[in-house]
N, C-alpha and C. Protein backbone atom coordinates (compact mmCIF):
# COMPACT_ATOMS: atom_id res chain seq x y z
N MET A 1 -233.83 -59.67 -55.75
CA MET A 1 -231.77 -59.83 -55.50
C MET A 1 -231.71 -61.12 -56.10
N PHE A 2 -232.35 -62.19 -55.54
CA PHE A 2 -231.91 -63.13 -56.32
C PHE A 2 -232.12 -63.58 -57.99
N LEU A 3 -233.17 -62.71 -58.07
CA LEU A 3 -233.56 -62.92 -59.65
C LEU A 3 -232.49 -62.10 -60.44
N ILE A 4 -231.53 -61.25 -59.88
CA ILE A 4 -230.83 -60.01 -60.52
C ILE A 4 -229.68 -60.99 -60.40
N VAL A 5 -229.16 -61.54 -59.85
CA VAL A 5 -227.82 -62.76 -59.61
C VAL A 5 -228.30 -63.15 -60.23
N THR A 6 -229.29 -63.94 -60.26
CA THR A 6 -229.55 -65.32 -61.40
C THR A 6 -229.74 -65.04 -63.00
N LEU A 7 -229.88 -63.51 -63.25
CA LEU A 7 -229.96 -62.79 -63.95
C LEU A 7 -228.41 -62.63 -64.94
N VAL A 8 -227.55 -62.47 -63.99
CA VAL A 8 -226.09 -61.83 -63.95
C VAL A 8 -225.48 -63.04 -64.37
N VAL A 9 -225.94 -64.58 -63.71
CA VAL A 9 -225.22 -65.49 -64.04
C VAL A 9 -224.94 -66.04 -65.59
N ILE A 10 -226.77 -66.32 -65.37
CA ILE A 10 -227.12 -66.18 -66.86
C ILE A 10 -226.60 -65.37 -68.57
N LEU A 11 -226.35 -64.94 -67.67
CA LEU A 11 -225.73 -63.28 -69.04
C LEU A 11 -224.29 -64.07 -69.17
N LEU A 12 -223.66 -64.23 -67.88
CA LEU A 12 -222.20 -64.43 -67.98
C LEU A 12 -221.92 -65.65 -68.73
N ILE A 13 -222.63 -66.74 -68.57
CA ILE A 13 -222.60 -67.71 -68.90
C ILE A 13 -222.76 -68.04 -70.69
N TRP A 14 -223.90 -67.03 -71.28
CA TRP A 14 -224.22 -66.49 -72.47
C TRP A 14 -223.25 -66.13 -72.84
N LEU A 15 -222.00 -64.90 -72.38
CA LEU A 15 -221.29 -64.53 -72.62
C LEU A 15 -219.94 -65.41 -73.05
N PHE A 16 -219.57 -65.97 -71.83
CA PHE A 16 -218.79 -67.04 -71.91
C PHE A 16 -218.21 -68.06 -73.05
N ILE A 17 -220.09 -68.73 -73.59
CA ILE A 17 -220.40 -69.14 -74.60
C ILE A 17 -219.74 -68.82 -76.01
N GLU A 18 -220.26 -67.52 -75.90
CA GLU A 18 -220.49 -66.56 -77.42
C GLU A 18 -218.94 -65.64 -77.49
N VAL A 19 -218.43 -66.09 -76.83
CA VAL A 19 -216.51 -65.81 -76.61
C VAL A 19 -215.76 -67.00 -77.29
N LYS A 20 -216.35 -68.16 -76.37
CA LYS A 20 -215.79 -69.42 -77.24
C LYS A 20 -215.79 -69.71 -78.48
N ARG A 21 -217.48 -69.77 -78.78
CA ARG A 21 -217.15 -69.53 -80.62
C ARG A 21 -216.90 -68.67 -81.44
N ALA A 22 -216.91 -67.38 -81.14
CA ALA A 22 -215.87 -66.11 -81.31
C ALA A 22 -214.45 -66.94 -81.81
N LYS A 23 -213.80 -67.48 -80.50
CA LYS A 23 -212.61 -67.89 -80.76
C LYS A 23 -212.42 -68.91 -81.98
N HIS A 24 -213.54 -69.94 -82.18
CA HIS A 24 -213.65 -70.72 -82.70
C HIS A 24 -213.96 -70.09 -84.30
N LYS A 25 -214.46 -69.53 -84.35
CA LYS A 25 -214.81 -68.82 -86.10
C LYS A 25 -213.77 -68.12 -86.35
N PHE A 26 -213.02 -67.49 -85.23
CA PHE A 26 -211.90 -66.71 -85.90
C PHE A 26 -210.84 -68.05 -85.95
N PHE A 27 -210.49 -68.73 -85.30
CA PHE A 27 -209.44 -69.55 -85.84
C PHE A 27 -209.75 -70.45 -86.95
N ALA A 28 -211.04 -71.06 -87.88
CA ALA A 28 -211.56 -71.51 -88.47
C ALA A 28 -211.01 -70.33 -89.96
N ILE A 29 -211.55 -69.18 -89.58
CA ILE A 29 -211.03 -68.61 -90.86
C ILE A 29 -209.71 -67.84 -90.82
N LEU A 30 -208.99 -67.99 -89.95
CA LEU A 30 -207.45 -67.77 -89.94
C LEU A 30 -207.01 -69.25 -90.99
N ILE A 31 -207.54 -70.07 -90.51
CA ILE A 31 -206.92 -71.58 -91.05
C ILE A 31 -207.92 -71.29 -92.38
N ILE A 32 -208.49 -71.10 -93.20
CA ILE A 32 -208.83 -70.61 -94.16
C ILE A 32 -208.04 -69.73 -94.94
N VAL A 33 -207.52 -68.43 -94.29
CA VAL A 33 -207.05 -68.00 -95.38
C VAL A 33 -205.31 -67.64 -95.31
N LEU A 34 -204.66 -68.84 -94.40
CA LEU A 34 -203.92 -68.83 -94.42
C LEU A 34 -203.35 -70.85 -95.61
N ILE A 35 -204.28 -71.16 -95.83
CA ILE A 35 -204.69 -72.07 -96.28
C ILE A 35 -204.46 -71.51 -98.36
N LEU A 36 -205.68 -70.74 -98.36
CA LEU A 36 -205.41 -69.39 -99.39
C LEU A 36 -204.53 -68.92 -99.98
N PHE A 37 -203.69 -68.30 -98.83
CA PHE A 37 -202.24 -68.04 -99.39
C PHE A 37 -201.77 -69.26 -99.34
N LEU A 38 -201.64 -69.82 -98.83
CA LEU A 38 -200.60 -70.88 -99.30
C LEU A 38 -200.66 -71.43 -100.79
N TYR A 39 -202.09 -71.85 -101.32
CA TYR A 39 -202.08 -72.22 -102.29
C TYR A 39 -202.17 -70.81 -103.57
N PHE A 40 -202.33 -69.87 -103.03
CA PHE A 40 -202.03 -69.03 -104.70
C PHE A 40 -200.65 -68.51 -104.46
N SER A 41 -199.85 -68.35 -103.30
CA SER A 41 -198.39 -68.64 -103.27
C SER A 41 -197.12 -69.28 -103.81
N ILE A 42 -197.88 -70.47 -103.67
CA ILE A 42 -197.41 -71.60 -104.58
C ILE A 42 -197.69 -71.92 -105.78
N THR A 43 -198.66 -71.01 -106.53
CA THR A 43 -198.85 -70.88 -107.71
C THR A 43 -198.03 -70.06 -108.35
N VAL A 44 -198.05 -69.26 -107.54
CA VAL A 44 -197.30 -67.98 -108.22
C VAL A 44 -195.92 -68.13 -108.37
N VAL A 45 -195.74 -69.08 -107.08
CA VAL A 45 -193.92 -69.03 -107.31
C VAL A 45 -193.51 -70.01 -108.24
N PHE A 46 -194.09 -71.36 -108.18
CA PHE A 46 -193.87 -72.66 -108.99
C PHE A 46 -194.62 -72.46 -110.71
N LYS A 47 -194.96 -71.25 -111.16
CA LYS A 47 -195.78 -71.13 -112.41
C LYS A 47 -195.24 -71.69 -113.32
N ASP A 48 -193.43 -71.15 -113.65
CA ASP A 48 -193.22 -71.23 -114.67
C ASP A 48 -191.68 -71.98 -114.53
N LYS A 49 -191.56 -73.03 -113.15
CA LYS A 49 -190.19 -73.79 -112.68
C LYS A 49 -190.36 -74.73 -112.92
N PRO A 50 -190.05 -75.55 -113.51
CA PRO A 50 -190.14 -77.18 -114.03
C PRO A 50 -189.50 -77.62 -112.62
N LEU A 51 -189.82 -78.28 -112.04
CA LEU A 51 -189.54 -78.44 -110.29
C LEU A 51 -189.85 -80.38 -110.87
N ASP A 52 -188.68 -81.51 -110.25
CA ASP A 52 -189.18 -82.18 -109.49
C ASP A 52 -189.66 -83.07 -108.47
N TYR A 53 -190.57 -83.50 -107.93
CA TYR A 53 -191.13 -83.42 -106.65
C TYR A 53 -191.42 -84.92 -106.52
N LYS A 54 -190.68 -85.85 -107.20
CA LYS A 54 -190.11 -87.00 -106.81
C LYS A 54 -188.78 -87.29 -106.49
N SER A 55 -187.96 -86.73 -106.59
CA SER A 55 -186.72 -87.09 -105.94
C SER A 55 -186.65 -86.03 -104.83
N MET A 56 -185.83 -86.51 -104.04
CA MET A 56 -185.63 -85.32 -102.59
C MET A 56 -184.77 -84.34 -102.74
N ASP A 57 -183.85 -84.37 -104.03
CA ASP A 57 -183.21 -83.33 -104.70
C ASP A 57 -184.41 -81.95 -105.17
N GLY A 58 -185.08 -82.49 -105.57
CA GLY A 58 -186.19 -81.61 -106.31
C GLY A 58 -187.21 -81.08 -105.18
N ILE A 59 -187.71 -81.55 -104.13
CA ILE A 59 -188.56 -81.25 -102.91
C ILE A 59 -187.77 -80.18 -101.87
N SER A 60 -186.13 -80.66 -101.94
CA SER A 60 -185.36 -79.61 -101.56
C SER A 60 -185.28 -78.29 -101.91
N ASN A 61 -185.20 -78.46 -103.30
CA ASN A 61 -185.13 -77.27 -104.32
C ASN A 61 -186.09 -76.52 -104.04
N ALA A 62 -186.94 -77.17 -104.50
CA ALA A 62 -188.74 -76.31 -104.61
C ALA A 62 -188.95 -75.79 -102.73
N SER A 63 -188.82 -76.33 -101.99
CA SER A 63 -188.60 -75.65 -100.65
C SER A 63 -188.05 -74.15 -100.31
N LYS A 64 -186.36 -74.35 -100.68
CA LYS A 64 -185.44 -73.49 -100.88
C LYS A 64 -186.48 -72.06 -101.68
N ILE A 65 -186.54 -72.69 -102.86
CA ILE A 65 -187.49 -71.65 -104.04
C ILE A 65 -188.76 -70.89 -102.93
N TYR A 66 -189.69 -71.67 -102.39
CA TYR A 66 -190.27 -71.04 -102.19
C TYR A 66 -190.18 -70.38 -100.47
N PHE A 67 -189.71 -70.64 -99.70
CA PHE A 67 -189.08 -70.17 -98.68
C PHE A 67 -187.86 -68.83 -98.69
N ASP A 68 -187.06 -68.78 -99.29
CA ASP A 68 -186.63 -67.57 -100.03
C ASP A 68 -187.76 -66.75 -100.79
N TRP A 69 -189.12 -67.01 -101.36
CA TRP A 69 -189.76 -66.01 -102.11
C TRP A 69 -190.37 -66.08 -100.55
N LEU A 70 -191.01 -66.37 -100.02
CA LEU A 70 -191.12 -66.15 -98.63
C LEU A 70 -190.69 -64.79 -97.89
N GLY A 71 -189.38 -65.22 -97.58
CA GLY A 71 -188.74 -64.28 -97.28
C GLY A 71 -188.92 -62.92 -97.48
N PHE A 72 -188.19 -62.97 -99.19
CA PHE A 72 -188.61 -61.54 -99.94
C PHE A 72 -189.82 -61.40 -99.46
N PHE A 73 -190.86 -61.98 -99.57
CA PHE A 73 -192.17 -61.52 -99.63
C PHE A 73 -192.13 -60.66 -98.35
N TYR A 74 -192.04 -61.52 -97.13
CA TYR A 74 -192.31 -60.93 -96.07
C TYR A 74 -191.04 -58.99 -95.78
N GLY A 75 -189.98 -59.34 -96.71
CA GLY A 75 -189.41 -58.23 -96.33
C GLY A 75 -189.56 -56.59 -97.09
N ASN A 76 -190.39 -57.15 -98.39
CA ASN A 76 -191.08 -56.21 -99.02
C ASN A 76 -192.34 -55.68 -98.35
N VAL A 77 -192.86 -56.50 -97.71
CA VAL A 77 -194.58 -56.08 -96.71
C VAL A 77 -193.76 -55.08 -95.58
N LYS A 78 -192.77 -55.48 -94.91
CA LYS A 78 -191.78 -54.59 -93.69
C LYS A 78 -191.40 -53.74 -94.36
N THR A 79 -190.89 -53.72 -95.69
CA THR A 79 -190.92 -52.23 -95.95
C THR A 79 -191.65 -51.13 -96.77
N VAL A 80 -192.86 -51.91 -97.55
CA VAL A 80 -193.87 -51.23 -97.25
C VAL A 80 -194.62 -50.16 -96.48
N THR A 81 -194.56 -51.53 -95.10
CA THR A 81 -194.85 -50.99 -94.02
C THR A 81 -194.57 -49.68 -93.01
N MET A 82 -193.33 -49.97 -93.41
CA MET A 82 -191.71 -49.31 -92.74
C MET A 82 -192.69 -47.78 -93.40
N ASN A 83 -192.56 -47.76 -95.21
CA ASN A 83 -192.59 -46.59 -95.83
C ASN A 83 -193.54 -45.56 -95.70
N THR A 84 -195.14 -46.24 -95.23
CA THR A 84 -196.25 -46.08 -94.86
C THR A 84 -196.34 -45.18 -93.75
N ILE A 85 -195.79 -45.65 -92.62
CA ILE A 85 -195.71 -45.24 -91.63
C ILE A 85 -194.50 -43.62 -91.24
N ASN A 86 -193.45 -43.92 -92.08
CA ASN A 86 -192.72 -42.76 -92.08
C ASN A 86 -193.14 -41.19 -93.02
N MET A 87 -194.21 -42.00 -94.05
CA MET A 87 -194.82 -40.43 -94.93
C MET A 87 -195.44 -39.71 -93.95
N ASP A 88 -195.34 -38.62 -94.68
CA ASP A 88 -196.12 -37.15 -93.97
C ASP A 88 -197.54 -37.27 -94.61
N TRP A 89 -198.28 -37.56 -93.70
CA TRP A 89 -199.60 -37.49 -93.57
C TRP A 89 -200.18 -36.71 -93.85
N THR A 90 -199.77 -35.00 -93.30
CA THR A 90 -200.24 -33.89 -93.22
C THR A 90 -200.88 -33.17 -94.66
N GLY A 91 -200.14 -33.39 -95.36
CA GLY A 91 -200.80 -32.81 -96.62
C GLY A 91 -202.17 -33.51 -96.98
N ASN A 92 -202.86 -34.31 -96.07
CA ASN A 92 -204.30 -35.04 -96.71
C ASN A 92 -204.92 -34.65 -95.54
N SER A 93 -204.41 -33.86 -95.39
CA SER A 93 -205.60 -32.79 -93.91
C SER A 93 -206.06 -31.67 -94.24
N THR A 94 -207.92 -31.80 -94.38
CA THR A 94 -208.26 -30.65 -94.90
C THR A 94 -208.34 -29.00 -93.91
N LYS A 95 -208.34 -27.89 -93.84
CA LYS A 95 -208.85 -26.82 -93.38
C LYS A 95 -210.27 -26.53 -93.70
N ASP A 96 -210.64 -25.66 -92.31
CA ASP A 96 -212.18 -25.73 -92.83
C ASP A 96 -212.09 -23.90 -93.04
N SER A 97 -212.36 -23.64 -94.43
CA SER A 97 -212.14 -22.22 -94.75
C SER A 97 -213.17 -21.45 -93.91
N ASN A 98 -214.15 -21.92 -93.57
CA ASN A 98 -214.85 -20.82 -92.37
C ASN A 98 -214.65 -20.40 -90.98
N LYS A 99 -213.29 -20.90 -91.14
CA LYS A 99 -212.67 -20.61 -89.01
C LYS A 99 -212.21 -19.40 -89.83
N ASN A 100 -212.24 -18.59 -88.74
CA ASN A 100 -211.70 -17.35 -87.96
C ASN A 100 -210.48 -17.47 -87.94
N THR A 101 -209.57 -17.30 -88.40
CA THR A 101 -207.67 -17.34 -88.44
C THR A 101 -207.43 -16.07 -87.68
N ASN A 102 -208.60 -15.01 -87.41
CA ASN A 102 -207.87 -13.60 -86.93
C ASN A 102 -207.95 -13.46 -85.57
N THR A 103 -206.47 -13.78 -85.24
CA THR A 103 -206.32 -13.43 -83.71
C THR A 103 -206.65 -12.34 -82.67
N LYS A 104 -207.02 -11.21 -83.11
CA LYS A 104 -207.60 -9.80 -82.48
C LYS A 104 -208.83 -10.36 -82.27
N SER A 105 -209.35 -9.59 -81.41
CA SER A 105 -210.88 -9.62 -80.90
C SER A 105 -211.68 -8.98 -81.65
N PRO A 106 -212.53 -9.82 -82.58
CA PRO A 106 -213.98 -8.89 -83.26
C PRO A 106 -213.94 -7.94 -82.60
N GLN A 107 -214.35 -6.78 -83.63
CA GLN A 107 -215.00 -5.57 -83.20
C GLN A 107 -216.28 -5.65 -83.66
N LYS A 108 -217.01 -4.49 -82.36
CA LYS A 108 -218.17 -4.56 -82.53
C LYS A 108 -218.68 -3.76 -83.85
N ILE A 109 -220.20 -4.03 -84.45
CA ILE A 109 -220.49 -2.82 -85.30
C ILE A 109 -221.96 -2.78 -85.24
N ASN A 110 -222.19 -1.41 -85.40
CA ASN A 110 -223.68 -1.07 -84.74
C ASN A 110 -223.93 -0.73 -86.47
N ASN A 111 -225.08 -1.57 -87.09
CA ASN A 111 -225.40 -0.86 -88.28
C ASN A 111 -226.36 -0.29 -88.51
N SER A 112 -227.60 -0.85 -87.65
CA SER A 112 -228.78 0.33 -87.09
C SER A 112 -228.25 2.27 -87.40
N LYS A 113 -226.98 2.21 -86.90
CA LYS A 113 -228.03 3.94 -87.02
C LYS A 113 -225.97 4.20 -87.36
N PRO A 114 -226.21 4.80 -88.53
CA PRO A 114 -224.76 4.95 -89.54
C PRO A 114 -223.85 6.58 -89.08
N GLY A 115 -222.95 6.18 -88.86
CA GLY A 115 -221.92 6.83 -87.97
C GLY A 115 -221.86 7.14 -86.81
N ILE A 116 -222.29 6.41 -86.10
CA ILE A 116 -222.15 5.91 -84.50
C ILE A 116 -221.36 5.03 -84.38
N LYS A 117 -220.27 4.75 -83.48
CA LYS A 117 -219.78 3.78 -83.37
C LYS A 117 -219.12 3.04 -82.35
N ILE A 118 -219.32 2.11 -81.82
CA ILE A 118 -219.75 1.39 -79.95
C ILE A 118 -218.41 0.69 -80.10
N LYS A 119 -217.74 1.05 -79.20
CA LYS A 119 -216.29 0.88 -78.91
C LYS A 119 -216.23 -0.36 -77.77
């Protein structure tokens, strides 16, 4: 009995450590994805816009442009998601062609002796 309790405690400690490690991995991956999104979105937004990053007005203008773009991006993602949810997905379902759609009970046929029908 003591061995089973000890094994359960060891298993719980191991699971606790693995969950903590998974949380840290998830957090690290989330931070990496956010940094990549920030880099690529800033690159796309400010690609052809001459902005002055040395003055407060230039930084203010750049932040307005970026957050406006971010708002439009969120709105577009929301619209696409809503349209996807509201789509009629029944056209994508497949039907089994071997299924018997006859609602009547099947008739028994005796093929061994011609002319004799079984009711």
